[in-house]
N, C-alpha and C. Protein backbone atom coordinates (compact mmCIF):
# COMPACT_ATOMS: atom_id res chain seq x y z
N MET A 1 13.11 -8.92 13.22
CA MET A 1 11.77 -8.62 12.72
C MET A 1 11.89 -7.82 11.43
N PRO A 2 11.08 -8.15 10.44
CA PRO A 2 11.12 -7.42 9.17
C PRO A 2 10.79 -5.93 9.37
N HIS A 3 11.32 -5.12 8.48
CA HIS A 3 11.07 -3.68 8.52
C HIS A 3 10.05 -3.31 7.44
N LEU A 4 9.26 -2.29 7.73
CA LEU A 4 8.29 -1.79 6.78
C LEU A 4 8.59 -0.31 6.55
N LYS A 5 8.70 0.07 5.29
CA LYS A 5 8.98 1.46 4.96
C LYS A 5 7.89 1.95 4.00
N LEU A 6 7.37 3.13 4.26
CA LEU A 6 6.37 3.74 3.39
C LEU A 6 7.00 4.84 2.57
N SER A 7 6.72 4.84 1.28
CA SER A 7 7.19 5.93 0.43
C SER A 7 6.44 7.20 0.80
N GLY A 8 6.97 8.33 0.38
CA GLY A 8 6.27 9.60 0.61
C GLY A 8 4.90 9.59 -0.04
N THR A 9 4.80 8.96 -1.19
CA THR A 9 3.51 8.87 -1.88
C THR A 9 2.52 8.03 -1.08
N ALA A 10 2.98 6.93 -0.49
CA ALA A 10 2.09 6.09 0.32
C ALA A 10 1.60 6.86 1.55
N ARG A 11 2.48 7.65 2.15
CA ARG A 11 2.07 8.47 3.30
C ARG A 11 1.02 9.51 2.87
N ALA A 12 1.24 10.10 1.72
CA ALA A 12 0.28 11.08 1.19
C ALA A 12 -1.06 10.39 0.85
N ASP A 13 -0.98 9.13 0.39
CA ASP A 13 -2.20 8.38 0.09
C ASP A 13 -3.05 8.21 1.34
N ILE A 14 -2.44 7.91 2.47
CA ILE A 14 -3.19 7.72 3.70
C ILE A 14 -3.95 9.01 4.04
N LYS A 15 -3.26 10.13 3.92
CA LYS A 15 -3.89 11.43 4.20
C LYS A 15 -5.02 11.70 3.20
N ARG A 16 -4.77 11.45 1.92
CA ARG A 16 -5.76 11.69 0.87
C ARG A 16 -7.01 10.85 1.08
N LEU A 17 -6.83 9.57 1.39
CA LEU A 17 -7.96 8.68 1.60
C LEU A 17 -8.76 9.10 2.83
N TYR A 18 -8.06 9.52 3.87
CA TYR A 18 -8.74 10.00 5.08
C TYR A 18 -9.55 11.25 4.77
N GLU A 19 -8.93 12.21 4.11
CA GLU A 19 -9.61 13.48 3.83
C GLU A 19 -10.84 13.29 2.95
N PHE A 20 -10.75 12.35 2.02
CA PHE A 20 -11.92 12.08 1.17
C PHE A 20 -13.10 11.61 2.02
N LEU A 21 -12.87 10.64 2.89
CA LEU A 21 -13.96 10.13 3.73
C LEU A 21 -14.41 11.14 4.78
N ALA A 22 -13.47 11.91 5.31
CA ALA A 22 -13.79 12.86 6.39
C ALA A 22 -14.76 13.95 5.93
N GLN A 23 -14.77 14.26 4.64
CA GLN A 23 -15.72 15.27 4.17
C GLN A 23 -17.16 14.79 4.29
N PHE A 24 -17.35 13.46 4.43
CA PHE A 24 -18.68 12.90 4.60
C PHE A 24 -18.96 12.49 6.05
N ASP A 25 -17.95 11.85 6.68
CA ASP A 25 -18.14 11.36 8.04
C ASP A 25 -16.77 11.08 8.67
N VAL A 26 -16.43 11.82 9.71
CA VAL A 26 -15.12 11.69 10.35
C VAL A 26 -14.95 10.31 11.00
N MET A 27 -16.01 9.78 11.58
CA MET A 27 -15.91 8.46 12.22
C MET A 27 -15.59 7.38 11.18
N ILE A 28 -16.20 7.46 10.02
CA ILE A 28 -15.90 6.49 8.96
C ILE A 28 -14.46 6.67 8.48
N ALA A 29 -14.02 7.92 8.37
CA ALA A 29 -12.63 8.19 7.98
C ALA A 29 -11.66 7.60 9.00
N ASP A 30 -11.98 7.76 10.28
CA ASP A 30 -11.14 7.17 11.34
C ASP A 30 -11.09 5.64 11.21
N ASN A 31 -12.24 5.04 10.94
CA ASN A 31 -12.29 3.59 10.78
C ASN A 31 -11.51 3.13 9.55
N GLY A 32 -11.58 3.92 8.48
CA GLY A 32 -10.80 3.60 7.28
C GLY A 32 -9.31 3.65 7.56
N ASN A 33 -8.88 4.68 8.29
CA ASN A 33 -7.47 4.78 8.66
C ASN A 33 -7.05 3.61 9.54
N ALA A 34 -7.92 3.23 10.48
CA ALA A 34 -7.62 2.10 11.35
C ALA A 34 -7.45 0.82 10.54
N ALA A 35 -8.28 0.63 9.51
CA ALA A 35 -8.16 -0.55 8.65
C ALA A 35 -6.84 -0.54 7.89
N ILE A 36 -6.43 0.62 7.39
CA ILE A 36 -5.15 0.73 6.68
C ILE A 36 -3.99 0.43 7.63
N ILE A 37 -4.01 1.02 8.81
CA ILE A 37 -2.93 0.79 9.79
C ILE A 37 -2.86 -0.68 10.17
N ALA A 38 -4.01 -1.31 10.38
CA ALA A 38 -4.03 -2.75 10.70
C ALA A 38 -3.44 -3.56 9.54
N GLY A 39 -3.75 -3.16 8.31
CA GLY A 39 -3.18 -3.83 7.14
C GLY A 39 -1.67 -3.68 7.08
N LEU A 40 -1.17 -2.48 7.38
CA LEU A 40 0.27 -2.25 7.38
C LEU A 40 0.96 -3.04 8.49
N GLU A 41 0.33 -3.11 9.65
CA GLU A 41 0.90 -3.89 10.75
C GLU A 41 0.96 -5.37 10.38
N TYR A 42 -0.08 -5.86 9.73
CA TYR A 42 -0.09 -7.25 9.27
C TYR A 42 1.02 -7.47 8.24
N LEU A 43 1.16 -6.54 7.31
CA LEU A 43 2.18 -6.65 6.27
C LEU A 43 3.59 -6.66 6.87
N GLU A 44 3.79 -5.88 7.91
CA GLU A 44 5.12 -5.84 8.54
C GLU A 44 5.52 -7.22 9.09
N VAL A 45 4.56 -7.93 9.65
CA VAL A 45 4.83 -9.25 10.22
C VAL A 45 4.79 -10.34 9.14
N ASN A 46 4.02 -10.11 8.09
CA ASN A 46 3.84 -11.09 7.00
C ASN A 46 4.20 -10.42 5.67
N PRO A 47 5.49 -10.21 5.43
CA PRO A 47 5.91 -9.37 4.30
C PRO A 47 5.65 -9.91 2.90
N ILE A 48 5.26 -11.15 2.77
CA ILE A 48 4.94 -11.64 1.42
C ILE A 48 3.42 -11.80 1.25
N SER A 49 2.67 -11.01 2.00
CA SER A 49 1.21 -11.04 1.89
C SER A 49 0.77 -10.43 0.57
N GLY A 50 -0.35 -10.89 0.10
CA GLY A 50 -0.91 -10.34 -1.12
C GLY A 50 -0.53 -11.15 -2.34
N ALA A 51 -1.18 -10.82 -3.42
CA ALA A 51 -0.96 -11.53 -4.68
C ALA A 51 0.13 -10.85 -5.50
N PRO A 52 0.98 -11.64 -6.17
CA PRO A 52 1.98 -11.04 -7.05
C PRO A 52 1.29 -10.34 -8.22
N MET A 53 1.85 -9.22 -8.66
CA MET A 53 1.33 -8.52 -9.84
C MET A 53 1.63 -9.37 -11.06
N GLU A 54 0.70 -9.42 -11.96
CA GLU A 54 0.82 -10.28 -13.13
C GLU A 54 2.08 -9.97 -13.95
N ASP A 55 2.34 -8.70 -14.19
CA ASP A 55 3.48 -8.33 -15.03
C ASP A 55 4.76 -8.07 -14.24
N ARG A 56 4.68 -8.09 -12.91
CA ARG A 56 5.85 -7.86 -12.05
C ARG A 56 5.74 -8.78 -10.83
N PRO A 57 6.19 -10.03 -10.96
CA PRO A 57 5.99 -11.00 -9.88
C PRO A 57 6.68 -10.65 -8.56
N ASN A 58 7.67 -9.76 -8.57
CA ASN A 58 8.33 -9.38 -7.32
C ASN A 58 7.60 -8.24 -6.62
N VAL A 59 6.52 -7.76 -7.21
CA VAL A 59 5.68 -6.72 -6.63
C VAL A 59 4.34 -7.37 -6.25
N ARG A 60 3.83 -7.01 -5.08
CA ARG A 60 2.58 -7.60 -4.61
C ARG A 60 1.54 -6.52 -4.32
N LYS A 61 0.27 -6.94 -4.38
CA LYS A 61 -0.81 -6.06 -3.94
C LYS A 61 -1.62 -6.81 -2.90
N MET A 62 -1.79 -6.16 -1.78
CA MET A 62 -2.51 -6.75 -0.66
C MET A 62 -3.84 -6.03 -0.48
N VAL A 63 -4.91 -6.78 -0.32
CA VAL A 63 -6.24 -6.22 -0.12
C VAL A 63 -6.46 -5.97 1.37
N VAL A 64 -6.97 -4.77 1.67
CA VAL A 64 -7.39 -4.43 3.03
C VAL A 64 -8.89 -4.21 2.97
N ASN A 65 -9.63 -5.07 3.61
CA ASN A 65 -11.09 -4.97 3.59
C ASN A 65 -11.57 -3.78 4.40
N PHE A 66 -12.50 -3.03 3.82
CA PHE A 66 -13.13 -1.92 4.51
C PHE A 66 -14.40 -1.55 3.76
N GLY A 67 -15.51 -1.59 4.44
CA GLY A 67 -16.77 -1.24 3.79
C GLY A 67 -17.11 -2.21 2.68
N ALA A 68 -17.74 -1.69 1.64
CA ALA A 68 -18.17 -2.53 0.53
C ALA A 68 -17.01 -2.98 -0.35
N SER A 69 -15.88 -2.28 -0.30
CA SER A 69 -14.73 -2.69 -1.11
C SER A 69 -13.49 -2.70 -0.23
N GLY A 70 -12.74 -1.64 -0.18
CA GLY A 70 -11.53 -1.60 0.64
C GLY A 70 -10.40 -0.90 -0.06
N TYR A 71 -9.20 -1.27 0.34
CA TYR A 71 -7.99 -0.62 -0.15
C TYR A 71 -7.01 -1.65 -0.71
N LEU A 72 -6.08 -1.17 -1.51
CA LEU A 72 -4.99 -2.00 -2.02
C LEU A 72 -3.68 -1.39 -1.55
N ILE A 73 -2.82 -2.22 -1.01
CA ILE A 73 -1.47 -1.80 -0.61
C ILE A 73 -0.49 -2.46 -1.57
N PHE A 74 0.25 -1.64 -2.32
CA PHE A 74 1.25 -2.15 -3.26
C PHE A 74 2.62 -2.11 -2.59
N HIS A 75 3.33 -3.24 -2.65
CA HIS A 75 4.60 -3.32 -1.95
C HIS A 75 5.58 -4.24 -2.64
N LYS A 76 6.84 -4.06 -2.30
CA LYS A 76 7.92 -4.89 -2.83
C LYS A 76 8.82 -5.29 -1.67
N ARG A 77 9.24 -6.52 -1.67
CA ARG A 77 10.10 -7.07 -0.61
C ARG A 77 11.55 -7.02 -1.04
N TYR A 78 12.42 -6.56 -0.14
CA TYR A 78 13.86 -6.55 -0.33
C TYR A 78 14.45 -7.49 0.72
N GLU A 79 14.65 -8.74 0.33
CA GLU A 79 15.09 -9.77 1.27
C GLU A 79 16.45 -9.47 1.90
N LYS A 80 17.39 -8.98 1.09
CA LYS A 80 18.75 -8.77 1.59
C LYS A 80 18.80 -7.83 2.79
N ILE A 81 17.89 -6.87 2.83
CA ILE A 81 17.89 -5.91 3.94
C ILE A 81 16.65 -6.07 4.82
N ASP A 82 15.92 -7.17 4.62
CA ASP A 82 14.76 -7.51 5.45
C ASP A 82 13.77 -6.35 5.55
N THR A 83 13.46 -5.75 4.39
CA THR A 83 12.58 -4.58 4.35
C THR A 83 11.52 -4.73 3.27
N THR A 84 10.33 -4.28 3.60
CA THR A 84 9.23 -4.22 2.63
C THR A 84 8.93 -2.75 2.38
N LEU A 85 8.93 -2.36 1.12
CA LEU A 85 8.64 -0.98 0.73
C LEU A 85 7.21 -0.89 0.21
N VAL A 86 6.40 -0.03 0.84
CA VAL A 86 5.05 0.24 0.39
C VAL A 86 5.11 1.48 -0.48
N THR A 87 4.70 1.35 -1.75
CA THR A 87 4.78 2.50 -2.65
C THR A 87 3.47 3.26 -2.77
N ARG A 88 2.35 2.55 -2.72
CA ARG A 88 1.04 3.21 -2.87
C ARG A 88 0.01 2.50 -2.01
N ILE A 89 -0.98 3.27 -1.58
CA ILE A 89 -2.17 2.74 -0.92
C ILE A 89 -3.34 3.45 -1.59
N ILE A 90 -4.19 2.67 -2.26
CA ILE A 90 -5.29 3.28 -3.00
C ILE A 90 -6.59 2.56 -2.66
N HIS A 91 -7.70 3.20 -3.01
CA HIS A 91 -9.00 2.56 -2.88
C HIS A 91 -9.11 1.52 -3.98
N GLN A 92 -9.79 0.43 -3.71
CA GLN A 92 -9.91 -0.64 -4.71
C GLN A 92 -10.56 -0.19 -6.01
N LYS A 93 -11.37 0.85 -5.96
CA LYS A 93 -12.06 1.30 -7.17
C LYS A 93 -11.26 2.33 -7.96
N GLU A 94 -10.08 2.71 -7.46
CA GLU A 94 -9.23 3.65 -8.20
C GLU A 94 -8.51 2.92 -9.32
N TRP A 95 -8.35 3.61 -10.42
CA TRP A 95 -7.60 3.06 -11.55
C TRP A 95 -6.11 3.13 -11.23
N TYR A 96 -5.34 2.14 -11.68
CA TYR A 96 -3.90 2.18 -11.49
C TYR A 96 -3.20 1.42 -12.60
N ASP A 97 -1.91 1.75 -12.77
CA ASP A 97 -1.03 1.01 -13.66
C ASP A 97 0.35 1.00 -13.01
N ALA A 98 1.34 0.42 -13.67
CA ALA A 98 2.67 0.29 -13.08
C ALA A 98 3.27 1.64 -12.71
N GLU A 99 3.01 2.65 -13.51
CA GLU A 99 3.57 3.96 -13.23
C GLU A 99 2.91 4.61 -12.02
N THR A 100 1.59 4.54 -11.93
CA THR A 100 0.90 5.20 -10.82
C THR A 100 1.16 4.52 -9.48
N ILE A 101 1.50 3.24 -9.49
CA ILE A 101 1.82 2.58 -8.23
C ILE A 101 3.31 2.59 -7.92
N GLY A 102 4.10 3.20 -8.82
CA GLY A 102 5.53 3.38 -8.55
C GLY A 102 6.40 2.20 -8.91
N PHE A 103 5.96 1.37 -9.83
CA PHE A 103 6.74 0.19 -10.17
C PHE A 103 7.04 0.05 -11.65
N THR A 104 7.36 1.16 -12.32
CA THR A 104 7.87 1.03 -13.68
C THR A 104 9.29 0.51 -13.55
N GLU A 105 9.81 -0.07 -14.60
CA GLU A 105 11.17 -0.61 -14.56
C GLU A 105 12.18 0.46 -14.14
N GLU A 106 12.04 1.66 -14.69
CA GLU A 106 12.96 2.75 -14.38
C GLU A 106 12.88 3.13 -12.90
N LYS A 107 11.69 3.26 -12.37
CA LYS A 107 11.52 3.63 -10.96
C LYS A 107 12.02 2.53 -10.05
N MET A 108 11.82 1.27 -10.44
CA MET A 108 12.27 0.16 -9.61
C MET A 108 13.79 0.14 -9.50
N GLU A 109 14.48 0.48 -10.58
CA GLU A 109 15.93 0.51 -10.55
C GLU A 109 16.45 1.63 -9.66
N LYS A 110 15.72 2.76 -9.60
CA LYS A 110 16.15 3.91 -8.82
C LYS A 110 15.71 3.83 -7.35
N THR A 111 14.79 2.91 -7.04
CA THR A 111 14.25 2.83 -5.67
C THR A 111 15.34 2.42 -4.71
N LYS A 112 15.50 3.23 -3.68
CA LYS A 112 16.46 2.92 -2.62
C LYS A 112 15.68 2.75 -1.33
N VAL A 113 15.97 1.68 -0.64
CA VAL A 113 15.25 1.41 0.61
C VAL A 113 16.15 1.75 1.77
């Protein structure tokens, strides 16, 4: 079975996204977390889920539906070790670029799974 690994930043993202929603409604925050966890479980079984990034085809972004928009899970597959690395989990309305999602060329070379 494929392995799924979350970066420290991705783990912090889950907490950050939960805390943002919890300040308004804890039940909605719980539901948001459940949607993210379901997305991660799906990704673990289907490691090439999501669309390839335009400028980095070996990096994918997977949409997790929640509410009016949802979340994006950014990940990279390492076939040789049967592992998918999740670098960021953000709200769909958050701005991002290669650096903020952890996939600059320099960071990709240093990434160890």
